[in-house]
Amino acid sequence: MPPSRAACRRRVAWQVVAASAALLVLSAQTPGATQGPPAPAALTAEQQEAFLATARVVKRRSVSTGVTGTVRATLTDGTITHDASIQTIDERKAQFPTDRGTEFNFRDSWTYNVAAYRLARLLGIDTIPPSVRRNWEGGPASFTWWVDDVMMDEKERVARKVQPPDPQGWNRQIHVVRVFDQLICNVDRNLGNLLITKDWTVWMIDHSRSFRLQDTIREPGNLVRCDRQLLERLRALDYDTAKRVLDDYLTEPELKALFTRRDLIVAHFDALGAAALYDPQKR
């Protein structure tokens, strides 16, 4: 039996709707098509820095984790709205007791968040969120981009025994974390400040207890493997460039200690040889 006239009309109507929807999708994907403002995830690191430095704070609330008095704030520039982590802490103590013993010349400072980000950029590491210096409530602070699409931190992953879908890629990321932490002498890399996003990227946050004056490697046993390109960037890093980029955030002794550790890390992997190196991960 041929379809009824009403059924034909319904089928034609659905075809028109489908064609219209396809046209909308096509126009949205066509270069030059009118689109809304870019999503925050589409911003470059430089655009994120500019946003953090100038956007207006419209909301704030305390962060329950950590001991540095971190504030989570919502910022907007009228087009983009996004959150940031704000730290104002800058404490110095001659002695500071820790679970690993007493630390001398202790410092916990927002400045190291900015220094870590800037140093990471020099080394081609893009898994530390942008962080800038900005005045906040009458004093200087670090404003750091709030990482999007976080599904868990490393502490939760370990507790839940969740295995990464790509173990080899995961290990490559962890080796970058370990090399960078030894370079900046990070004494507070706990599992809660390694964030894991939905694409299984590991993000390093909260570096306020880094850049110690120690001129040795704190945990040489963590230096097992290294990204080949990262090693070459470490080798090529020159003091004058680093000083220009980090001068507002690190003292001269802190910078000299950083380069002493750099030399030790490069020598360490040179001694291990090519077997300890791997090609960078593509994301």
Protein backbone atom coordinates (compact mmCIF):
# COMPACT_ATOMS: atom_id res chain seq x y z
CA MET A 1 0.00 0.00 0.00
CA PRO A 2 1.48 3.42 -0.98
CA PRO A 3 2.01 5.83 1.94
CA SER A 4 -0.83 8.19 2.73
CA ARG A 5 -0.74 11.86 1.78
CA ALA A 6 -0.32 12.82 5.46
CA ALA A 7 2.61 10.45 5.89
CA CYS A 8 4.30 11.96 2.83
CA ARG A 9 3.85 15.45 4.27
CA ARG A 10 5.40 14.37 7.59
CA ARG A 11 8.37 12.79 5.82
CA VAL A 12 8.99 15.95 3.75
CA ALA A 13 8.77 18.08 6.90
CA TRP A 14 11.39 15.95 8.67
CA GLN A 15 13.68 16.15 5.63
CA VAL A 16 13.45 19.95 5.69
CA VAL A 17 14.30 20.04 9.40
CA ALA A 18 17.25 17.70 8.91
CA ALA A 19 18.54 19.74 5.98
CA SER A 20 18.25 22.96 7.99
CA ALA A 21 20.15 21.43 10.90
CA ALA A 22 22.88 20.19 8.59
CA LEU A 23 23.17 23.65 7.05
CA LEU A 24 23.56 25.23 10.50
CA VAL A 25 26.33 22.78 11.41
CA LEU A 26 28.09 23.36 8.11
CA SER A 27 27.93 27.16 8.44
CA ALA A 28 29.26 26.99 12.00
CA GLN A 29 32.28 25.00 10.80
CA THR A 30 32.93 27.14 7.75
CA PRO A 31 35.85 29.60 8.05
CA GLY A 32 34.53 33.14 8.40
CA ALA A 33 31.21 32.06 9.86
CA THR A 34 29.89 34.25 12.65
CA GLN A 35 30.64 32.67 16.02
CA GLY A 36 30.46 33.71 19.64
CA PRO A 37 33.48 34.60 21.82
CA PRO A 38 36.13 31.90 22.17
CA ALA A 39 35.67 29.43 24.98
CA PRO A 40 38.27 29.78 27.76
CA ALA A 41 39.87 26.47 26.74
CA ALA A 42 40.58 27.99 23.30
CA LEU A 43 42.61 30.88 24.68
CA THR A 44 46.38 30.89 24.29
CA ALA A 45 48.57 31.05 27.36
CA GLU A 46 49.29 34.71 26.57
CA GLN A 47 45.56 35.47 26.37
CA GLN A 48 44.99 33.68 29.67
CA GLU A 49 47.77 35.77 31.24
CA ALA A 50 46.18 38.99 29.97
CA PHE A 51 42.78 37.91 31.30
CA LEU A 52 44.21 37.09 34.73
CA ALA A 53 45.98 40.44 34.89
CA THR A 54 43.01 42.62 33.98
CA ALA A 55 39.65 40.85 34.39
CA ARG A 56 37.35 42.02 37.16
CA VAL A 57 36.80 39.83 40.22
CA VAL A 58 33.05 39.28 40.64
CA LYS A 59 32.98 36.44 43.17
CA ARG A 60 35.29 34.83 45.71
CA ARG A 61 35.28 31.88 48.09
CA SER A 62 37.86 30.07 50.20
CA VAL A 63 39.44 26.81 49.10
CA SER A 64 39.00 24.09 51.69
CA THR A 65 42.20 22.21 50.86
CA GLY A 66 45.74 23.43 51.47
CA VAL A 67 47.27 25.68 54.11
CA THR A 68 48.20 28.75 52.08
CA GLY A 69 44.89 30.59 52.34
CA THR A 70 44.10 30.15 48.67
CA VAL A 71 41.04 31.99 47.34
CA ARG A 72 39.05 30.78 44.36
CA ALA A 73 37.73 33.78 42.47
CA THR A 74 35.49 34.22 39.45
CA LEU A 75 36.76 36.82 36.99
CA THR A 76 35.14 38.41 33.94
CA ASP A 77 36.23 40.84 31.28
CA GLY A 78 32.70 41.29 29.95
CA THR A 79 33.17 38.61 27.33
CA ILE A 80 34.87 35.72 29.08
CA THR A 81 34.17 34.49 32.61
CA HIS A 82 36.56 32.09 34.28
CA ASP A 83 37.92 31.18 37.71
CA ALA A 84 41.36 31.82 39.14
CA SER A 85 43.32 30.73 42.18
CA ILE A 86 44.62 33.68 44.22
CA GLN A 87 47.47 33.35 46.70
CA THR A 88 48.90 36.18 48.79
CA ILE A 89 51.04 34.17 51.19
CA ASP A 90 54.64 35.30 51.68
CA GLU A 91 56.02 33.83 54.91
CA ARG A 92 59.63 33.50 55.97
CA LYS A 93 60.93 31.53 58.93
CA ALA A 94 64.45 30.76 60.10
CA GLN A 95 63.32 27.25 61.00
CA PHE A 96 60.21 25.34 60.03
CA PRO A 97 59.39 21.83 61.32
CA THR A 98 58.09 19.36 58.72
CA ASP A 99 57.38 15.64 58.66
CA ARG A 100 60.78 15.24 56.97
CA GLY A 101 62.67 17.22 59.59
CA THR A 102 63.41 20.89 60.19
CA GLU A 103 63.76 23.14 57.16
CA PHE A 104 66.02 26.17 57.54
CA ASN A 105 65.51 29.47 55.70
CA PHE A 106 61.92 28.44 55.04
CA ARG A 107 59.82 30.50 52.66
CA ASP A 108 56.26 30.01 51.44
CA SER A 109 55.47 32.59 48.76
CA TRP A 110 53.04 33.37 45.98
CA THR A 111 56.02 34.60 43.92
CA TYR A 112 57.11 31.01 43.30
CA ASN A 113 53.84 30.22 41.53
CA VAL A 114 54.66 32.83 38.90
CA ALA A 115 58.32 31.80 38.75
CA ALA A 116 57.42 28.13 38.22
CA TYR A 117 55.05 29.01 35.38
CA ARG A 118 57.57 31.28 33.67
CA LEU A 119 60.37 28.75 33.99
CA ALA A 120 58.12 26.01 32.62
CA ARG A 121 57.41 28.16 29.56
CA LEU A 122 61.15 28.56 28.97
CA LEU A 123 61.49 24.78 29.04
CA GLY A 124 58.52 24.01 26.80
CA ILE A 125 56.44 22.54 29.63
CA ASP A 126 52.78 23.43 29.08
CA THR A 127 51.17 21.59 32.00
CA ILE A 128 51.48 24.36 34.57
CA PRO A 129 48.56 26.81 34.33
CA PRO A 130 49.35 30.47 33.61
CA SER A 131 50.11 32.54 36.69
CA VAL A 132 50.66 36.30 36.89
CA ARG A 133 51.46 38.90 39.51
CA ARG A 134 48.60 41.22 40.38
CA ASN A 135 47.62 43.47 43.27
CA TRP A 136 44.87 42.08 45.46
CA GLU A 137 43.35 43.72 48.51
CA GLY A 138 46.25 46.11 48.99
CA GLY A 139 49.13 43.77 48.30
CA PRO A 140 50.75 41.60 45.62
CA ALA A 141 49.39 38.17 44.79
CA SER A 142 49.58 35.40 42.22
CA PHE A 143 46.51 34.96 40.03
CA THR A 144 46.60 31.47 38.50
CA TRP A 145 44.28 30.06 35.85
CA TRP A 146 41.83 27.55 37.34
CA VAL A 147 42.34 24.25 35.50
CA ASP A 148 39.28 23.18 33.50
CA ASP A 149 37.75 19.71 33.17
CA VAL A 150 39.42 18.21 36.24
CA MET A 151 38.04 14.76 36.98
CA MET A 152 40.25 13.96 39.99
CA ASP A 153 43.61 14.65 41.58
CA GLU A 154 46.38 12.11 41.96
CA LYS A 155 45.49 11.47 45.60
CA GLU A 156 41.98 10.40 44.60
CA ARG A 157 43.25 8.33 41.65
CA VAL A 158 45.58 6.38 43.91
CA ALA A 159 42.91 5.91 46.60
CA ARG A 160 40.40 4.63 44.03
CA LYS A 161 43.06 2.55 42.23
CA VAL A 162 42.08 4.04 38.87
CA GLN A 163 44.48 3.03 36.10
CA PRO A 164 45.27 5.48 33.30
CA PRO A 165 44.14 4.32 29.85
CA ASP A 166 47.63 4.88 28.41
CA PRO A 167 50.19 3.76 31.04
CA GLN A 168 53.18 4.61 28.87
CA GLY A 169 51.91 8.12 28.19
CA TRP A 170 51.07 8.53 31.87
CA ASN A 171 54.60 7.57 32.90
CA ARG A 172 56.08 10.07 30.46
CA GLN A 173 54.05 12.83 32.09
CA ILE A 174 55.06 11.76 35.60
CA HIS A 175 58.73 11.80 34.61
CA VAL A 176 58.35 15.44 33.50
CA VAL A 177 56.81 16.26 36.88
CA ARG A 178 59.68 14.60 38.70
CA VAL A 179 62.39 16.32 36.68
CA PHE A 180 60.75 19.71 37.09
CA ASP A 181 60.25 19.27 40.84
CA GLN A 182 63.93 18.41 41.32
CA LEU A 183 64.91 21.40 39.20
CA ILE A 184 62.87 23.89 41.28
CA CYS A 185 63.49 22.00 44.55
CA ASN A 186 59.79 21.68 45.28
CA VAL A 187 59.47 20.52 48.89
CA ASP A 188 55.69 20.30 48.83
CA ARG A 189 54.69 18.16 45.86
CA ASN A 190 51.83 16.24 47.41
CA LEU A 191 49.36 14.16 45.41
CA GLY A 192 46.62 16.74 45.89
CA ASN A 193 48.37 19.30 43.69
CA LEU A 194 48.62 17.03 40.68
CA LEU A 195 45.33 17.48 38.83
CA ILE A 196 44.10 15.03 36.20
CA THR A 197 41.82 16.34 33.49
CA LYS A 198 39.35 14.34 31.43
CA ASP A 199 41.90 13.80 28.67
CA TRP A 200 44.31 12.37 31.27
CA THR A 201 46.69 15.31 31.23
CA VAL A 202 48.55 15.80 34.52
CA TRP A 203 48.62 19.45 35.63
CA MET A 204 51.07 20.74 38.23
CA ILE A 205 49.72 23.39 40.60
CA ASP A 206 50.77 25.21 43.79
CA HIS A 207 54.52 25.85 43.78
CA SER A 208 54.67 28.25 46.72
CA ARG A 209 57.24 26.09 48.55
CA SER A 210 59.84 25.76 45.82
CA PHE A 211 63.11 27.34 44.67
CA ARG A 212 65.10 26.47 47.77
CA LEU A 213 68.76 27.42 48.13
CA GLN A 214 69.73 23.74 48.13
CA ASP A 215 72.53 23.11 45.65
CA THR A 216 72.01 19.35 45.50
CA ILE A 217 69.22 17.18 44.11
CA ARG A 218 66.72 16.43 46.88
CA GLU A 219 65.51 13.11 45.48
CA PRO A 220 67.91 11.81 42.84
CA GLY A 221 66.09 8.48 42.88
CA ASN A 222 63.17 10.19 41.12
CA LEU A 223 65.36 11.03 38.13
CA VAL A 224 64.94 7.78 36.20
CA ARG A 225 63.91 8.93 32.73
CA CYS A 226 63.67 12.25 30.92
CA ASP A 227 61.93 13.71 27.90
CA ARG A 228 64.64 14.07 25.26
CA GLN A 229 63.59 17.59 24.24
CA LEU A 230 63.24 18.70 27.86
CA LEU A 231 66.81 17.61 28.53
CA GLU A 232 68.07 19.61 25.55
CA ARG A 233 66.12 22.67 26.68
CA LEU A 234 67.59 22.30 30.15
CA ARG A 235 71.04 22.10 28.62
CA ALA A 236 70.43 25.17 26.46
CA LEU A 237 68.89 27.32 29.22
CA ASP A 238 71.17 30.30 29.75
CA TYR A 239 71.51 32.33 32.91
CA ASP A 240 70.91 35.75 31.37
CA THR A 241 67.62 34.69 29.77
CA ALA A 242 66.39 33.06 32.96
CA LYS A 243 67.38 36.10 35.01
CA ARG A 244 65.47 38.40 32.67
CA VAL A 245 62.33 36.25 32.87
CA LEU A 246 62.52 35.41 36.59
CA ASP A 247 64.27 38.44 38.08
CA ASP A 248 61.11 39.87 39.67
CA TYR A 249 60.33 36.57 41.40
CA LEU A 250 63.62 34.93 42.39
CA THR A 251 66.58 36.29 44.31
CA GLU A 252 70.10 35.99 42.95
CA PRO A 253 70.97 33.10 45.34
CA GLU A 254 67.74 31.28 44.37
CA LEU A 255 68.57 31.64 40.69
CA LYS A 256 72.14 30.43 41.19
CA ALA A 257 70.91 27.40 43.15
CA LEU A 258 68.45 26.67 40.33
CA PHE A 259 71.28 26.59 37.78
CA THR A 260 73.44 24.43 40.03
CA ARG A 261 70.60 21.89 40.16
CA ARG A 262 70.13 22.23 36.40
CA ASP A 263 73.77 21.29 35.85
CA LEU A 264 73.44 18.28 38.15
CA ILE A 265 70.28 17.05 36.39
CA VAL A 266 71.88 17.35 32.95
CA ALA A 267 75.00 15.54 34.15
CA HIS A 268 72.85 12.86 35.76
CA PHE A 269 71.01 12.00 32.54
CA ASP A 270 74.16 12.29 30.45
CA ALA A 271 75.64 9.61 32.69
CA LEU A 272 72.56 7.39 32.34
CA GLY A 273 72.78 7.64 28.56
CA ALA A 274 70.27 7.33 25.74
CA ALA A 275 68.39 4.47 27.37
CA ALA A 276 67.03 6.91 29.96
CA LEU A 277 65.59 9.26 27.34
CA TYR A 278 62.27 9.13 25.53
CA ASP A 279 60.58 11.16 22.83
CA PRO A 280 58.10 13.83 23.96
CA GLN A 281 54.44 12.94 24.24
CA LYS A 282 52.11 14.40 21.64
CA ARG A 283 48.84 15.86 22.93
